[in-house]
Amino acid sequence: MNLRLTVTILVFAAAPAYAQAQNPTPAKVTKTDAQNVLRIISGDKAKTRIYCQMAKLGNQMEQANEMGDAKKFDALFQRMYELGKKLGPEYAALIDGLQDIDPESEVGQEISSTLDALDNLCRG
């Protein structure tokens, strides 16, 4: 599985639970918000490591889901959720706002392109 797909699954799987812990009325996210998150994560080696760990957990979550292992999926999700909180409020707001973005819209495509850049941090 490619990393982009894994992170996309991770983002959308995390969004509802992560959003509950955040602002109850999410602001509309923009490409600028996504670029800010990219800048923050790419500029901090610890946050980059956390983001990449989350991508790996997302892949493991997908495997657990395919195998029908709900207990493992839930445990991995909890680990991912805890890691996600360490990425900061900007990341939380981006994840929260992604729920309301059509991935096929211009904004959705722009944000997706920025998320691709985040994914590239985990390669190599």
Protein backbone atom coordinates (compact mmCIF):
# COMPACT_ATOMS: atom_id res chain seq x y z
CA MET A 1 0.00 0.00 0.00
CA ASN A 2 1.31 3.45 -0.78
CA LEU A 3 1.95 5.91 1.98
CA ARG A 4 -0.42 8.55 0.58
CA LEU A 5 -3.37 6.18 0.77
CA THR A 6 -2.38 5.08 4.27
CA VAL A 7 -2.20 8.64 5.55
CA THR A 8 -5.49 9.52 3.88
CA ILE A 9 -7.13 6.59 5.66
CA LEU A 10 -5.43 7.64 8.86
CA VAL A 11 -6.63 11.22 8.56
CA PHE A 12 -10.23 10.34 7.86
CA ALA A 13 -10.30 7.55 10.45
CA ALA A 14 -8.96 9.91 13.09
CA ALA A 15 -11.02 12.93 12.24
CA PRO A 16 -14.30 12.11 14.03
CA ALA A 17 -12.73 11.07 17.33
CA TYR A 18 -10.08 13.75 17.23
CA ALA A 19 -12.67 16.37 16.38
CA GLN A 20 -14.73 15.54 19.44
CA ALA A 21 -11.80 16.55 21.61
CA GLN A 22 -11.47 19.82 19.75
CA ASN A 23 -13.66 22.77 18.86
CA PRO A 24 -17.29 21.64 18.40
CA THR A 25 -17.73 23.91 15.34
CA PRO A 26 -14.72 23.47 13.07
CA ALA A 27 -13.53 26.36 10.95
CA LYS A 28 -13.33 25.85 7.21
CA VAL A 29 -9.81 24.70 6.37
CA THR A 30 -7.84 26.09 3.46
CA LYS A 31 -4.72 25.29 1.50
CA THR A 32 -2.95 27.88 3.66
CA ASP A 33 -3.91 25.92 6.79
CA ALA A 34 -2.50 22.73 5.26
CA GLN A 35 0.69 24.54 4.23
CA ASN A 36 1.06 25.89 7.76
CA VAL A 37 0.78 22.34 9.15
CA LEU A 38 3.36 21.17 6.61
CA ARG A 39 5.71 23.97 7.68
CA ILE A 40 5.25 23.20 11.37
CA ILE A 41 5.71 19.43 11.03
CA SER A 42 8.57 19.58 8.51
CA GLY A 43 10.37 22.18 10.63
CA ASP A 44 10.36 20.01 13.76
CA LYS A 45 12.17 16.66 13.62
CA ALA A 46 10.21 15.30 16.57
CA LYS A 47 6.88 16.17 14.93
CA THR A 48 8.08 14.71 11.64
CA ARG A 49 8.88 11.42 13.44
CA ILE A 50 5.45 11.46 15.10
CA TYR A 51 3.70 12.07 11.77
CA CYS A 52 5.60 9.19 10.17
CA GLN A 53 4.80 6.92 13.13
CA MET A 54 1.15 7.79 12.61
CA ALA A 55 1.42 6.83 8.94
CA LYS A 56 2.85 3.44 9.93
CA LEU A 57 0.06 2.98 12.46
CA GLY A 58 -2.45 3.84 9.73
CA ASN A 59 -1.05 1.03 7.59
CA GLN A 60 -1.25 -1.37 10.53
CA MET A 61 -4.81 -0.22 11.20
CA GLU A 62 -5.76 -0.99 7.63
CA GLN A 63 -4.23 -4.47 7.92
CA ALA A 64 -6.07 -5.10 11.19
CA ASN A 65 -9.31 -3.94 9.60
CA GLU A 66 -8.79 -6.25 6.59
CA MET A 67 -8.21 -9.15 8.99
CA GLY A 68 -11.29 -8.25 11.00
CA ASP A 69 -9.24 -7.68 14.15
CA ALA A 70 -11.28 -4.95 15.82
CA LYS A 71 -9.37 -5.18 19.10
CA LYS A 72 -6.02 -4.57 17.39
CA PHE A 73 -7.55 -1.81 15.24
CA ASP A 74 -8.87 -0.05 18.36
CA ALA A 75 -5.52 -0.34 20.14
CA LEU A 76 -3.68 1.06 17.12
CA PHE A 77 -6.24 3.83 16.78
CA GLN A 78 -5.73 4.83 20.40
CA ARG A 79 -1.95 4.99 19.90
CA MET A 80 -2.45 7.05 16.75
CA TYR A 81 -4.86 9.38 18.53
CA GLU A 82 -2.38 9.97 21.35
CA LEU A 83 0.40 10.70 18.87
CA GLY A 84 -1.84 13.06 16.92
CA LYS A 85 -2.35 15.22 19.98
CA LYS A 86 1.41 15.87 20.01
CA LEU A 87 1.31 17.50 16.57
CA GLY A 88 -0.36 20.63 17.91
CA PRO A 89 -3.57 22.61 17.56
CA GLU A 90 -2.96 23.49 13.91
CA TYR A 91 -2.86 19.81 12.99
CA ALA A 92 -5.98 19.17 15.07
CA ALA A 93 -7.83 22.00 13.32
CA LEU A 94 -6.77 20.69 9.89
CA ILE A 95 -7.93 17.16 10.68
CA ASP A 96 -11.15 18.48 12.16
CA GLY A 97 -11.87 20.63 9.11
CA LEU A 98 -11.13 17.88 6.58
CA GLN A 99 -14.46 16.27 7.40
CA ASP A 100 -16.24 19.08 5.56
CA ILE A 101 -13.97 19.20 2.49
CA ASP A 102 -14.89 17.44 -0.74
CA PRO A 103 -11.66 15.69 -1.78
CA GLU A 104 -12.56 16.29 -5.45
CA SER A 105 -13.03 20.06 -5.02
CA GLU A 106 -10.28 22.54 -5.87
CA VAL A 107 -9.61 23.13 -2.16
CA GLY A 108 -9.64 19.37 -1.54
CA GLN A 109 -7.11 18.83 -4.32
CA GLU A 110 -4.89 21.65 -3.03
CA ILE A 111 -4.94 20.23 0.49
CA SER A 112 -4.28 16.74 -0.88
CA SER A 113 -1.22 18.07 -2.70
CA THR A 114 0.07 19.57 0.54
CA LEU A 115 -0.57 16.30 2.38
CA ASP A 116 1.47 14.57 -0.33
CA ALA A 117 4.38 16.79 0.70
CA LEU A 118 3.89 15.66 4.31
CA ASP A 119 3.91 12.04 3.17
CA ASN A 120 7.19 12.64 1.37
CA LEU A 121 8.79 13.50 4.72
CA CYS A 122 8.37 9.84 5.68
CA ARG A 123 10.16 8.45 2.64
CA GLY A 124 13.85 8.00 2.96
